[in-house]
Every structure is written in C-alpha cells, then in structure tokens.
Amino acid sequence: GFYWLRKVFAVLDGCQDGVSLGETVWLDETFVSVDKPDRVTE
C-alpha cells in the first residue's frame, strides 16, 4: 500500500504547476505539526 502511494506521489508530482486562480481568490494558511521526533519541548 505504501509502495503504491509513492507511485501516486510520483505521478502527481508537479500537478499544480499550471493552476491559475482569478477574479476572486480566498487565501489563508493552515498548519500541521512536525514529526514527533522533531518536536521541540520546554
């Protein structure tokens, strides 16, 4: 399943390159956490 997923990623690589948004565009950011081993703690 994960091997096939890598193939899916390869096929979709660059799929957004030709996208052009126009007239009215909504823009914002969302966030995801870094991998657990990389998280900084205090």
Full PDB file with SEQRES, HELIX, SHEET, SSBOND, CRYST1, ORIGX, SCALE, CONECT and MASTER records, all heavy atoms in Angstrom:
SEQRES   1 A   42  GLY PHE TYR TRP LEU ARG LYS VAL PHE ALA VAL LEU ASP          
SEQRES   2 A   42  GLY CYS GLN ASP GLY VAL SER LEU GLY GLU THR VAL TRP          
SEQRES   3 A   42  LEU ASP GLU THR PHE VAL SER VAL ASP LYS PRO ASP ARG          
SEQRES   4 A   42  VAL THR GLU                                                  
HELIX    1 AA1 PHE A    2  LEU A   12  1                                  11    
HELIX    2 AA2 LYS A   36  ASP A   38  5                                   3    
CRYST1    1.000    1.000    1.000  90.00  90.00  90.00 P 1           1          
ORIGX1      1.000000  0.000000  0.000000        0.00000                         
ORIGX2      0.000000  1.000000  0.000000        0.00000                         
ORIGX3      0.000000  0.000000  1.000000        0.00000                         
SCALE1      1.000000  0.000000  0.000000        0.00000                         
SCALE2      0.000000  1.000000  0.000000        0.00000                         
SCALE3      0.000000  0.000000  1.000000        0.00000                         
ATOM      1  N   GLY A   1       0.815  -1.214   0.000  1.00  0.00           N  
ATOM      2  CA  GLY A   1       0.000   0.000   0.000  1.00  0.00           C  
ATOM      3  C   GLY A   1       0.845   1.258   0.000  1.00  0.00           C  
ATOM      4  O   GLY A   1       0.563   2.211  -0.739  1.00  0.00           O  
ATOM      5  N   PHE A   2       1.904   1.280   0.812  1.00  0.00           N  
ATOM      6  CA  PHE A   2       2.765   2.470   0.866  1.00  0.00           C  
ATOM      7  C   PHE A   2       3.664   2.570  -0.365  1.00  0.00           C  
ATOM      8  O   PHE A   2       4.027   3.673  -0.785  1.00  0.00           O  
ATOM      9  CB  PHE A   2       3.599   2.450   2.149  1.00  0.00           C  
ATOM     10  CG  PHE A   2       2.792   2.826   3.368  1.00  0.00           C  
ATOM     11  CD1 PHE A   2       2.360   1.862   4.260  1.00  0.00           C  
ATOM     12  CD2 PHE A   2       2.444   4.144   3.604  1.00  0.00           C  
ATOM     13  CE1 PHE A   2       1.598   2.199   5.366  1.00  0.00           C  
ATOM     14  CE2 PHE A   2       1.692   4.503   4.704  1.00  0.00           C  
ATOM     15  CZ  PHE A   2       1.254   3.522   5.600  1.00  0.00           C  
ATOM     16  N   TYR A   3       4.021   1.423  -0.929  1.00  0.00           N  
ATOM     17  CA  TYR A   3       4.784   1.414  -2.191  1.00  0.00           C  
ATOM     18  C   TYR A   3       3.948   2.043  -3.298  1.00  0.00           C  
ATOM     19  O   TYR A   3       4.426   2.893  -4.056  1.00  0.00           O  
ATOM     20  CB  TYR A   3       5.155  -0.030  -2.529  1.00  0.00           C  
ATOM     21  CG  TYR A   3       5.810  -0.251  -3.867  1.00  0.00           C  
ATOM     22  CD1 TYR A   3       6.784   0.616  -4.369  1.00  0.00           C  
ATOM     23  CD2 TYR A   3       5.469  -1.357  -4.647  1.00  0.00           C  
ATOM     24  CE1 TYR A   3       7.394   0.388  -5.590  1.00  0.00           C  
ATOM     25  CE2 TYR A   3       6.079  -1.601  -5.866  1.00  0.00           C  
ATOM     26  CZ  TYR A   3       7.040  -0.720  -6.330  1.00  0.00           C  
ATOM     27  OH  TYR A   3       7.647  -0.950  -7.552  1.00  0.00           O  
ATOM     28  N   TRP A   4       2.698   1.663  -3.386  1.00  0.00           N  
ATOM     29  CA  TRP A   4       1.806   2.242  -4.393  1.00  0.00           C  
ATOM     30  C   TRP A   4       1.572   3.730  -4.131  1.00  0.00           C  
ATOM     31  O   TRP A   4       1.426   4.513  -5.059  1.00  0.00           O  
ATOM     32  CB  TRP A   4       0.480   1.489  -4.412  1.00  0.00           C  
ATOM     33  CG  TRP A   4       0.564   0.139  -5.038  1.00  0.00           C  
ATOM     34  CD1 TRP A   4       1.709  -0.515  -5.430  1.00  0.00           C  
ATOM     35  CD2 TRP A   4      -0.512  -0.739  -5.357  1.00  0.00           C  
ATOM     36  NE1 TRP A   4       1.406  -1.741  -5.960  1.00  0.00           N  
ATOM     37  CE2 TRP A   4       0.054  -1.909  -5.938  1.00  0.00           C  
ATOM     38  CE3 TRP A   4      -1.888  -0.662  -5.214  1.00  0.00           C  
ATOM     39  CZ2 TRP A   4      -0.733  -2.983  -6.363  1.00  0.00           C  
ATOM     40  CZ3 TRP A   4      -2.680  -1.726  -5.636  1.00  0.00           C  
ATOM     41  CH2 TRP A   4      -2.103  -2.859  -6.203  1.00  0.00           C  
ATOM     42  N   LEU A   5       1.545   4.102  -2.852  1.00  0.00           N  
ATOM     43  CA  LEU A   5       1.366   5.515  -2.520  1.00  0.00           C  
ATOM     44  C   LEU A   5       2.516   6.347  -3.077  1.00  0.00           C  
ATOM     45  O   LEU A   5       2.312   7.450  -3.591  1.00  0.00           O  
ATOM     46  CB  LEU A   5       1.272   5.697  -1.002  1.00  0.00           C  
ATOM     47  CG  LEU A   5       1.060   7.126  -0.521  1.00  0.00           C  
ATOM     48  CD1 LEU A   5      -0.320   7.649  -0.931  1.00  0.00           C  
ATOM     49  CD2 LEU A   5       1.212   7.208   1.002  1.00  0.00           C  
ATOM     50  N   ARG A   6       3.733   5.821  -2.982  1.00  0.00           N  
ATOM     51  CA  ARG A   6       4.889   6.517  -3.552  1.00  0.00           C  
ATOM     52  C   ARG A   6       4.733   6.681  -5.065  1.00  0.00           C  
ATOM     53  O   ARG A   6       5.132   7.693  -5.639  1.00  0.00           O  
ATOM     54  CB  ARG A   6       6.175   5.738  -3.250  1.00  0.00           C  
ATOM     55  CG  ARG A   6       6.571   5.738  -1.795  1.00  0.00           C  
ATOM     56  CD  ARG A   6       7.064   7.089  -1.352  1.00  0.00           C  
ATOM     57  NE  ARG A   6       7.569   7.067  -0.002  1.00  0.00           N  
ATOM     58  CZ  ARG A   6       8.678   7.684   0.389  1.00  0.00           C  
ATOM     59  NH1 ARG A   6       9.380   8.364  -0.485  1.00  0.00           N  
ATOM     60  NH2 ARG A   6       9.061   7.619   1.643  1.00  0.00           N  
ATOM     61  N   LYS A   7       4.138   5.683  -5.699  1.00  0.00           N  
ATOM     62  CA  LYS A   7       3.883   5.789  -7.129  1.00  0.00           C  
ATOM     63  C   LYS A   7       2.849   6.873  -7.416  1.00  0.00           C  
ATOM     64  O   LYS A   7       2.974   7.626  -8.394  1.00  0.00           O  
ATOM     65  CB  LYS A   7       3.402   4.438  -7.673  1.00  0.00           C  
ATOM     66  CG  LYS A   7       4.453   3.336  -7.611  1.00  0.00           C  
ATOM     67  CD  LYS A   7       3.944   2.060  -8.283  1.00  0.00           C  
ATOM     68  CE  LYS A   7       5.030   0.991  -8.320  1.00  0.00           C  
ATOM     69  NZ  LYS A   7       4.644  -0.199  -9.098  1.00  0.00           N  
ATOM     70  N   VAL A   8       1.828   6.950  -6.569  1.00  0.00           N  
ATOM     71  CA  VAL A   8       0.816   8.004  -6.717  1.00  0.00           C  
ATOM     72  C   VAL A   8       1.476   9.374  -6.603  1.00  0.00           C  
ATOM     73  O   VAL A   8       1.218  10.270  -7.421  1.00  0.00           O  
ATOM     74  CB  VAL A   8      -0.289   7.842  -5.653  1.00  0.00           C  
ATOM     75  CG1 VAL A   8      -1.213   9.066  -5.636  1.00  0.00           C  
ATOM     76  CG2 VAL A   8      -1.107   6.582  -5.914  1.00  0.00           C  
ATOM     77  N   PHE A   9       2.331   9.546  -5.603  1.00  0.00           N  
ATOM     78  CA  PHE A   9       3.040  10.822  -5.437  1.00  0.00           C  
ATOM     79  C   PHE A   9       3.872  11.155  -6.673  1.00  0.00           C  
ATOM     80  O   PHE A   9       3.939  12.316  -7.095  1.00  0.00           O  
ATOM     81  CB  PHE A   9       3.946  10.771  -4.205  1.00  0.00           C  
ATOM     82  CG  PHE A   9       3.221  10.786  -2.881  1.00  0.00           C  
ATOM     83  CD1 PHE A   9       3.887  10.460  -1.713  1.00  0.00           C  
ATOM     84  CD2 PHE A   9       1.876  11.116  -2.808  1.00  0.00           C  
ATOM     85  CE1 PHE A   9       3.244  10.471  -0.483  1.00  0.00           C  
ATOM     86  CE2 PHE A   9       1.209  11.125  -1.582  1.00  0.00           C  
ATOM     87  CZ  PHE A   9       1.902  10.801  -0.415  1.00  0.00           C  
ATOM     88  N   ALA A  10       4.520  10.146  -7.235  1.00  0.00           N  
ATOM     89  CA  ALA A  10       5.372  10.372  -8.413  1.00  0.00           C  
ATOM     90  C   ALA A  10       4.540  10.839  -9.604  1.00  0.00           C  
ATOM     91  O   ALA A  10       4.937  11.745 -10.344  1.00  0.00           O  
ATOM     92  CB  ALA A  10       6.136   9.099  -8.770  1.00  0.00           C  
ATOM     93  N   VAL A  11       3.382  10.210  -9.805  1.00  0.00           N  
ATOM     94  CA  VAL A  11       2.513  10.582 -10.923  1.00  0.00           C  
ATOM     95  C   VAL A  11       1.985  12.007 -10.743  1.00  0.00           C  
ATOM     96  O   VAL A  11       1.881  12.774 -11.703  1.00  0.00           O  
ATOM     97  CB  VAL A  11       1.341   9.584 -11.045  1.00  0.00           C  
ATOM     98  CG1 VAL A  11       0.296  10.083 -12.044  1.00  0.00           C  
ATOM     99  CG2 VAL A  11       1.855   8.211 -11.464  1.00  0.00           C  
ATOM    100  N   LEU A  12       1.669  12.389  -9.501  1.00  0.00           N  
ATOM    101  CA  LEU A  12       1.067  13.691  -9.235  1.00  0.00           C  
ATOM    102  C   LEU A  12       2.099  14.813  -9.040  1.00  0.00           C  
ATOM    103  O   LEU A  12       1.717  15.970  -8.872  1.00  0.00           O  
ATOM    104  CB  LEU A  12       0.167  13.614  -8.000  1.00  0.00           C  
ATOM    105  CG  LEU A  12      -1.055  12.693  -8.119  1.00  0.00           C  
ATOM    106  CD1 LEU A  12      -1.849  12.701  -6.819  1.00  0.00           C  
ATOM    107  CD2 LEU A  12      -1.928  13.085  -9.291  1.00  0.00           C  
ATOM    108  N   ASP A  13       3.361  14.465  -9.073  1.00  0.00           N  
ATOM    109  CA  ASP A  13       4.405  15.484  -8.900  1.00  0.00           C  
ATOM    110  C   ASP A  13       4.262  16.585  -9.961  1.00  0.00           C  
ATOM    111  O   ASP A  13       4.230  16.299 -11.159  1.00  0.00           O  
ATOM    112  CB  ASP A  13       5.785  14.835  -9.013  1.00  0.00           C  
ATOM    113  CG  ASP A  13       6.914  15.811  -8.726  1.00  0.00           C  
ATOM    114  OD1 ASP A  13       6.731  16.704  -7.878  1.00  0.00           O  
ATOM    115  OD2 ASP A  13       7.966  15.690  -9.371  1.00  0.00           O  
ATOM    116  N   GLY A  14       4.141  17.826  -9.516  1.00  0.00           N  
ATOM    117  CA  GLY A  14       4.010  18.954 -10.433  1.00  0.00           C  
ATOM    118  C   GLY A  14       2.605  19.185 -10.948  1.00  0.00           C  
ATOM    119  O   GLY A  14       2.391  20.013 -11.837  1.00  0.00           O  
ATOM    120  N   CYS A  15       1.615  18.467 -10.391  1.00  0.00           N  
ATOM    121  CA  CYS A  15       0.249  18.565 -10.913  1.00  0.00           C  
ATOM    122  C   CYS A  15      -0.369  19.951 -10.729  1.00  0.00           C  
ATOM    123  O   CYS A  15      -1.320  20.311 -11.436  1.00  0.00           O  
ATOM    124  CB  CYS A  15      -0.647  17.509 -10.277  1.00  0.00           C  
ATOM    125  SG  CYS A  15      -0.802  17.630  -8.478  1.00  0.00           S  
ATOM    126  N   GLN A  16       0.157  20.756  -9.804  1.00  0.00           N  
ATOM    127  CA  GLN A  16      -0.408  22.086  -9.571  1.00  0.00           C  
ATOM    128  C   GLN A  16       0.292  23.186 -10.375  1.00  0.00           C  
ATOM    129  O   GLN A  16      -0.115  24.353 -10.308  1.00  0.00           O  
ATOM    130  CB  GLN A  16      -0.329  22.441  -8.080  1.00  0.00           C  
ATOM    131  CG  GLN A  16      -1.064  21.490  -7.161  1.00  0.00           C  
ATOM    132  CD  GLN A  16      -1.033  21.952  -5.713  1.00  0.00           C  
ATOM    133  OE1 GLN A  16      -1.433  23.074  -5.380  1.00  0.00           O  
ATOM    134  NE2 GLN A  16      -0.548  21.087  -4.827  1.00  0.00           N  
ATOM    135  N   ASP A  17       1.296  22.813 -11.141  1.00  0.00           N  
ATOM    136  CA  ASP A  17       2.123  23.814 -11.820  1.00  0.00           C  
ATOM    137  C   ASP A  17       1.324  24.751 -12.732  1.00  0.00           C  
ATOM    138  O   ASP A  17       1.621  25.935 -12.818  1.00  0.00           O  
ATOM    139  CB  ASP A  17       3.227  23.125 -12.640  1.00  0.00           C  
ATOM    140  CG  ASP A  17       4.287  22.484 -11.762  1.00  0.00           C  
ATOM    141  OD1 ASP A  17       4.254  22.711 -10.544  1.00  0.00           O  
ATOM    142  OD2 ASP A  17       5.136  21.741 -12.300  1.00  0.00           O  
ATOM    143  N   GLY A  18       0.326  24.233 -13.420  1.00  0.00           N  
ATOM    144  CA  GLY A  18      -0.406  25.056 -14.385  1.00  0.00           C  
ATOM    145  C   GLY A  18      -1.645  25.728 -13.837  1.00  0.00           C  
ATOM    146  O   GLY A  18      -2.413  26.335 -14.604  1.00  0.00           O  
ATOM    147  N   VAL A  19      -1.872  25.644 -12.531  1.00  0.00           N  
ATOM    148  CA  VAL A  19      -3.091  26.212 -11.941  1.00  0.00           C  
ATOM    149  C   VAL A  19      -3.019  27.730 -11.932  1.00  0.00           C  
ATOM    150  O   VAL A  19      -2.018  28.329 -11.525  1.00  0.00           O  
ATOM    151  CB  VAL A  19      -3.299  25.696 -10.504  1.00  0.00           C  
ATOM    152  CG1 VAL A  19      -4.494  26.387  -9.853  1.00  0.00           C  
ATOM    153  CG2 VAL A  19      -3.485  24.186 -10.511  1.00  0.00           C  
ATOM    154  N   SER A  20      -4.100  28.370 -12.356  1.00  0.00           N  
ATOM    155  CA  SER A  20      -4.190  29.835 -12.347  1.00  0.00           C  
ATOM    156  C   SER A  20      -5.529  30.235 -11.746  1.00  0.00           C  
ATOM    157  O   SER A  20      -6.590  29.891 -12.272  1.00  0.00           O  
ATOM    158  CB  SER A  20      -4.070  30.379 -13.784  1.00  0.00           C  
ATOM    159  OG  SER A  20      -4.158  31.787 -13.790  1.00  0.00           O  
ATOM    160  N   LEU A  21      -5.467  30.926 -10.631  1.00  0.00           N  
ATOM    161  CA  LEU A  21      -6.668  31.380  -9.928  1.00  0.00           C  
ATOM    162  C   LEU A  21      -6.966  32.825 -10.312  1.00  0.00           C  
ATOM    163  O   LEU A  21      -6.050  33.617 -10.506  1.00  0.00           O  
ATOM    164  CB  LEU A  21      -6.483  31.270  -8.416  1.00  0.00           C  
ATOM    165  CG  LEU A  21      -5.963  29.927  -7.879  1.00  0.00           C  
ATOM    166  CD1 LEU A  21      -5.767  30.003  -6.367  1.00  0.00           C  
ATOM    167  CD2 LEU A  21      -6.922  28.796  -8.225  1.00  0.00           C  
ATOM    168  N   GLY A  22      -8.252  33.166 -10.389  1.00  0.00           N  
ATOM    169  CA  GLY A  22      -8.542  34.537 -10.794  1.00  0.00           C  
ATOM    170  C   GLY A  22      -9.895  35.059 -10.376  1.00  0.00           C  
ATOM    171  O   GLY A  22     -10.708  34.339  -9.790  1.00  0.00           O  
ATOM    172  N   GLU A  23     -10.081  36.342 -10.675  1.00  0.00           N  
ATOM    173  CA  GLU A  23     -11.289  37.110 -10.368  1.00  0.00           C  
ATOM    174  C   GLU A  23     -11.410  37.315  -8.864  1.00  0.00           C  
ATOM    175  O   GLU A  23     -11.133  38.379  -8.361  1.00  0.00           O  
ATOM    176  CB  GLU A  23     -12.537  36.445 -10.958  1.00  0.00           C  
ATOM    177  CG  GLU A  23     -12.461  36.209 -12.472  1.00  0.00           C  
ATOM    178  CD  GLU A  23     -12.141  37.481 -13.246  1.00  0.00           C  
ATOM    179  OE1 GLU A  23     -12.563  38.587 -12.830  1.00  0.00           O  
ATOM    180  OE2 GLU A  23     -11.447  37.376 -14.277  1.00  0.00           O  
ATOM    181  N   THR A  24     -11.860  36.304  -8.117  1.00  0.00           N  
ATOM    182  CA  THR A  24     -11.949  36.397  -6.657  1.00  0.00           C  
ATOM    183  C   THR A  24     -11.230  35.204  -6.050  1.00  0.00           C  
ATOM    184  O   THR A  24     -11.544  34.054  -6.362  1.00  0.00           O  
ATOM    185  CB  THR A  24     -13.412  36.401  -6.186  1.00  0.00           C  
ATOM    186  OG1 THR A  24     -14.103  37.506  -6.777  1.00  0.00           O  
ATOM    187  CG2 THR A  24     -13.483  36.521  -4.668  1.00  0.00           C  
ATOM    188  N   VAL A  25     -10.250  35.496  -5.189  1.00  0.00           N  
ATOM    189  CA  VAL A  25      -9.420  34.439  -4.607  1.00  0.00           C  
ATOM    190  C   VAL A  25      -9.416  34.562  -3.092  1.00  0.00           C  
ATOM    191  O   VAL A  25      -9.194  35.648  -2.552  1.00  0.00           O  
ATOM    192  CB  VAL A  25      -7.964  34.523  -5.134  1.00  0.00           C  
ATOM    193  CG1 VAL A  25      -7.103  33.436  -4.496  1.00  0.00           C  
ATOM    194  CG2 VAL A  25      -7.929  34.423  -6.652  1.00  0.00           C  
ATOM    195  N   TRP A  26      -9.689  33.447  -2.417  1.00  0.00           N  
ATOM    196  CA  TRP A  26      -9.585  33.394  -0.958  1.00  0.00           C  
ATOM    197  C   TRP A  26      -8.237  32.782  -0.600  1.00  0.00           C  
ATOM    198  O   TRP A  26      -7.857  31.747  -1.163  1.00  0.00           O  
ATOM    199  CB  TRP A  26     -10.701  32.531  -0.377  1.00  0.00           C  
ATOM    200  CG  TRP A  26     -12.064  33.141  -0.471  1.00  0.00           C  
ATOM    201  CD1 TRP A  26     -12.727  33.835   0.515  1.00  0.00           C  
ATOM    202  CD2 TRP A  26     -12.959  33.097  -1.599  1.00  0.00           C  
ATOM    203  NE1 TRP A  26     -13.974  34.225   0.057  1.00  0.00           N  
ATOM    204  CE2 TRP A  26     -14.138  33.791  -1.233  1.00  0.00           C  
ATOM    205  CE3 TRP A  26     -12.858  32.545  -2.873  1.00  0.00           C  
ATOM    206  CZ2 TRP A  26     -15.220  33.938  -2.104  1.00  0.00           C  
ATOM    207  CZ3 TRP A  26     -13.928  32.693  -3.747  1.00  0.00           C  
ATOM    208  CH2 TRP A  26     -15.090  33.378  -3.360  1.00  0.00           C  
ATOM    209  N   LEU A  27      -7.517  33.391   0.319  1.00  0.00           N  
ATOM    210  CA  LEU A  27      -6.162  32.939   0.665  1.00  0.00           C  
ATOM    211  C   LEU A  27      -5.975  32.937   2.174  1.00  0.00           C  
ATOM    212  O   LEU A  27      -6.382  33.872   2.868  1.00  0.00           O  
ATOM    213  CB  LEU A  27      -5.131  33.841  -0.010  1.00  0.00           C  
ATOM    214  CG  LEU A  27      -3.643  33.498   0.149  1.00  0.00           C  
ATOM    215  CD1 LEU A  27      -2.853  33.966  -1.072  1.00  0.00           C  
ATOM    216  CD2 LEU A  27      -3.040  34.133   1.410  1.00  0.00           C  
ATOM    217  N   ASP A  28      -5.348  31.894   2.679  1.00  0.00           N  
ATOM    218  CA  ASP A  28      -5.031  31.800   4.100  1.00  0.00           C  
ATOM    219  C   ASP A  28      -4.026  30.676   4.288  1.00  0.00           C  
ATOM    220  O   ASP A  28      -3.704  29.953   3.340  1.00  0.00           O  
ATOM    221  CB  ASP A  28      -6.294  31.535   4.922  1.00  0.00           C  
ATOM    222  CG  ASP A  28      -6.127  31.910   6.396  1.00  0.00           C  
ATOM    223  OD1 ASP A  28      -5.035  32.391   6.767  1.00  0.00           O  
ATOM    224  OD2 ASP A  28      -7.084  31.706   7.162  1.00  0.00           O  
ATOM    225  N   GLU A  29      -3.543  30.521   5.501  1.00  0.00           N  
ATOM    226  CA  GLU A  29      -2.626  29.430   5.822  1.00  0.00           C  
ATOM    227  C   GLU A  29      -3.276  28.520   6.861  1.00  0.00           C  
ATOM    228  O   GLU A  29      -4.066  28.956   7.690  1.00  0.00           O  
ATOM    229  CB  GLU A  29      -1.299  29.947   6.392  1.00  0.00           C  
ATOM    230  CG  GLU A  29      -0.472  30.764   5.424  1.00  0.00           C  
ATOM    231  CD  GLU A  29      -0.948  32.208   5.304  1.00  0.00           C  
ATOM    232  OE1 GLU A  29      -1.483  32.747   6.317  1.00  0.00           O  
ATOM    233  OE2 GLU A  29      -0.813  32.786   4.212  1.00  0.00           O  
ATOM    234  N   THR A  30      -2.930  27.248   6.787  1.00  0.00           N  
ATOM    235  CA  THR A  30      -3.249  26.315   7.852  1.00  0.00           C  
ATOM    236  C   THR A  30      -1.933  25.691   8.297  1.00  0.00           C  
ATOM    237  O   THR A  30      -0.896  25.913   7.650  1.00  0.00           O  
ATOM    238  CB  THR A  30      -4.257  25.248   7.381  1.00  0.00           C  
ATOM    239  OG1 THR A  30      -4.683  24.484   8.520  1.00  0.00           O  
ATOM    240  CG2 THR A  30      -3.660  24.325   6.331  1.00  0.00           C  
ATOM    241  N   PHE A  31      -1.952  24.938   9.376  1.00  0.00           N  
ATOM    242  CA  PHE A  31      -0.689  24.443   9.938  1.00  0.00           C  
ATOM    243  C   PHE A  31      -0.800  22.970  10.309  1.00  0.00           C  
ATOM    244  O   PHE A  31      -1.864  22.486  10.696  1.00  0.00           O  
ATOM    245  CB  PHE A  31      -0.312  25.250  11.187  1.00  0.00           C  
ATOM    246  CG  PHE A  31      -0.108  26.709  10.919  1.00  0.00           C  
ATOM    247  CD1 PHE A  31      -1.191  27.585  10.919  1.00  0.00           C  
ATOM    248  CD2 PHE A  31       1.153  27.215  10.649  1.00  0.00           C  
ATOM    249  CE1 PHE A  31      -1.020  28.932  10.658  1.00  0.00           C  
ATOM    250  CE2 PHE A  31       1.344  28.562  10.386  1.00  0.00           C  
ATOM    251  CZ  PHE A  31       0.251  29.419  10.390  1.00  0.00           C  
ATOM    252  N   VAL A  32       0.309  22.253  10.163  1.00  0.00           N  
ATOM    253  CA  VAL A  32       0.415  20.880  10.646  1.00  0.00           C  
ATOM    254  C   VAL A  32       1.632  20.805  11.563  1.00  0.00           C  
ATOM    255  O   VAL A  32       2.575  21.593  11.439  1.00  0.00           O  
ATOM    256  CB  VAL A  32       0.571  19.868   9.487  1.00  0.00           C  
ATOM    257  CG1 VAL A  32      -0.638  19.909   8.575  1.00  0.00           C  
ATOM    258  CG2 VAL A  32       1.848  20.112   8.699  1.00  0.00           C  
ATOM    259  N   SER A  33       1.590  19.869  12.480  1.00  0.00           N  
ATOM    260  CA  SER A  33       2.709  19.695  13.402  1.00  0.00           C  
ATOM    261  C   SER A  33       3.852  18.954  12.714  1.00  0.00           C  
ATOM    262  O   SER A  33       3.634  18.155  11.810  1.00  0.00           O  
ATOM    263  CB  SER A  33       2.263  18.906  14.635  1.00  0.00           C  
ATOM    264  OG  SER A  33       1.248  19.592  15.331  1.00  0.00           O  
ATOM    265  N   VAL A  34       5.061  19.226  13.141  1.00  0.00           N  
ATOM    266  CA  VAL A  34       6.212  18.496  12.617  1.00  0.00           C  
ATOM    267  C   VAL A  34       6.162  17.071  13.156  1.00  0.00           C  
ATOM    268  O   VAL A  34       5.378  16.749  14.055  1.00  0.00           O  
ATOM    269  CB  VAL A  34       7.545  19.174  13.017  1.00  0.00           C  
ATOM    270  CG1 VAL A  34       7.617  20.601  12.488  1.00  0.00           C  
ATOM    271  CG2 VAL A  34       7.728  19.169  14.536  1.00  0.00           C  
ATOM    272  N   ASP A  35       6.995  16.182  12.598  1.00  0.00           N  
ATOM    273  CA  ASP A  35       7.039  14.813  13.094  1.00  0.00           C  
ATOM    274  C   ASP A  35       7.391  14.795  14.584  1.00  0.00           C  
ATOM    275  O   ASP A  35       8.182  15.636  15.053  1.00  0.00           O  
ATOM    276  CB  ASP A  35       8.084  13.999  12.317  1.00  0.00           C  
ATOM    277  CG  ASP A  35       7.607  13.640  10.917  1.00  0.00           C  
ATOM    278  OD1 ASP A  35       6.425  13.273  10.781  1.00  0.00           O  
ATOM    279  OD2 ASP A  35       8.414  13.731   9.973  1.00  0.00           O  
ATOM    280  N   LYS A  36       6.830  13.851  15.316  1.00  0.00           N  
ATOM    281  CA  LYS A  36       7.031  13.797  16.769  1.00  0.00           C  
ATOM    282  C   LYS A  36       8.497  13.830  17.193  1.00  0.00           C  
ATOM    283  O   LYS A  36       8.853  14.547  18.134  1.00  0.00           O  
ATOM    284  CB  LYS A  36       6.331  12.563  17.338  1.00  0.00           C  
ATOM    285  CG  LYS A  36       4.816  12.705  17.406  1.00  0.00           C  
ATOM    286  CD  LYS A  36       4.183  11.497  18.089  1.00  0.00           C  
ATOM    287  CE  LYS A  36       2.669  11.686  18.184  1.00  0.00           C  
ATOM    288  NZ  LYS A  36       2.012  10.524  18.857  1.00  0.00           N  
ATOM    289  N   PRO A  37       9.385  13.072  16.532  1.00  0.00           N  
ATOM    290  CA  PRO A  37      10.789  13.103  16.970  1.00  0.00           C  
ATOM    291  C   PRO A  37      11.449  14.480  16.813  1.00  0.00           C  
ATOM    292  O   PRO A  37      12.469  14.753  17.452  1.00  0.00           O  
ATOM    293  CB  PRO A  37      11.467  12.072  16.054  1.00  0.00           C  
ATOM    294  CG  PRO A  37      10.362  11.180  15.593  1.00  0.00           C  
ATOM    295  CD  PRO A  37       9.175  12.080  15.463  1.00  0.00           C  
ATOM    296  N   ASP A  38      10.872  15.332  15.963  1.00  0.00           N  
ATOM    297  CA  ASP A  38      11.468  16.636  15.686  1.00  0.00           C  
ATOM    298  C   ASP A  38      10.855  17.759  16.531  1.00  0.00           C  
ATOM    299  O   ASP A  38      11.270  18.920  16.412  1.00  0.00           O  
ATOM    300  CB  ASP A  38      11.302  16.991  14.201  1.00  0.00           C  
ATOM    301  CG  ASP A  38      11.980  15.985  13.290  1.00  0.00           C  
ATOM    302  OD1 ASP A  38      13.027  15.452  13.696  1.00  0.00           O  
ATOM    303  OD2 ASP A  38      11.469  15.736  12.185  1.00  0.00           O  
ATOM    304  N   ARG A  39       9.877  17.436  17.367  1.00  0.00           N  
ATOM    305  CA  ARG A  39       9.200  18.484  18.128  1.00  0.00           C  
ATOM    306  C   ARG A  39      10.057  18.996  19.274  1.00  0.00           C  
ATOM    307  O   ARG A  39      10.695  18.235  20.002  1.00  0.00           O  
ATOM    308  CB  ARG A  39       7.849  17.976  18.648  1.00  0.00           C  
ATOM    309  CG  ARG A  39       6.861  17.733  17.510  1.00  0.00           C  
ATOM    310  CD  ARG A  39       5.545  17.164  17.987  1.00  0.00           C  
ATOM    311  NE  ARG A  39       4.762  16.704  16.831  1.00  0.00           N  
ATOM    312  CZ  ARG A  39       3.624  16.053  16.904  1.00  0.00           C  
ATOM    313  NH1 ARG A  39       3.119  15.767  18.102  1.00  0.00           N  
ATOM    314  NH2 ARG A  39       2.990  15.685  15.800  1.00  0.00           N  
ATOM    315  N   VAL A  40      10.054  20.303  19.417  1.00  0.00           N  
ATOM    316  CA  VAL A  40      10.825  20.976  20.468  1.00  0.00           C  
ATOM    317  C   VAL A  40       9.945  21.114  21.702  1.00  0.00           C  
ATOM    318  O   VAL A  40       8.757  21.460  21.604  1.00  0.00           O  
ATOM    319  CB  VAL A  40      11.283  22.363  19.990  1.00  0.00           C  
ATOM    320  CG1 VAL A  40      12.053  23.082  21.091  1.00  0.00           C  
ATOM    321  CG2 VAL A  40      12.139  22.237  18.726  1.00  0.00           C  
ATOM    322  N   THR A  41      10.501  20.831  22.861  1.00  0.00           N  
ATOM    323  CA  THR A  41       9.738  20.947  24.105  1.00  0.00           C  
ATOM    324  C   THR A  41      10.453  21.871  25.082  1.00  0.00           C  
ATOM    325  O   THR A  41      11.664  22.088  24.993  1.00  0.00           O  
ATOM    326  CB  THR A  41       9.542  19.571  24.772  1.00  0.00           C  
ATOM    327  OG1 THR A  41      10.843  19.012  25.084  1.00  0.00           O  
ATOM    328  CG2 THR A  41       8.804  18.621  23.841  1.00  0.00           C  
ATOM    329  N   GLU A  42       9.683  22.398  25.986  1.00  0.00           N  
ATOM    330  CA  GLU A  42      10.228  23.185  27.089  1.00  0.00           C  
ATOM    331  C   GLU A  42       9.675  22.602  28.381  1.00  0.00           C  
ATOM    332  O   GLU A  42       8.454  22.549  28.564  1.00  0.00           O  
ATOM    333  CB  GLU A  42       9.824  24.653  26.953  1.00  0.00           C  
ATOM    334  CG  GLU A  42      10.534  25.380  25.826  1.00  0.00           C  
ATOM    335  CD  GLU A  42      10.160  26.851  25.757  1.00  0.00           C  
ATOM    336  OE1 GLU A  42       9.287  27.277  26.551  1.00  0.00           O  
ATOM    337  OE2 GLU A  42      10.738  27.563  24.920  1.00  0.00           O  
TER     338      GLU A  42                                                      
MASTER        0    0    0    2    0    0    0    6  337    1    0    4          
END                                                                             
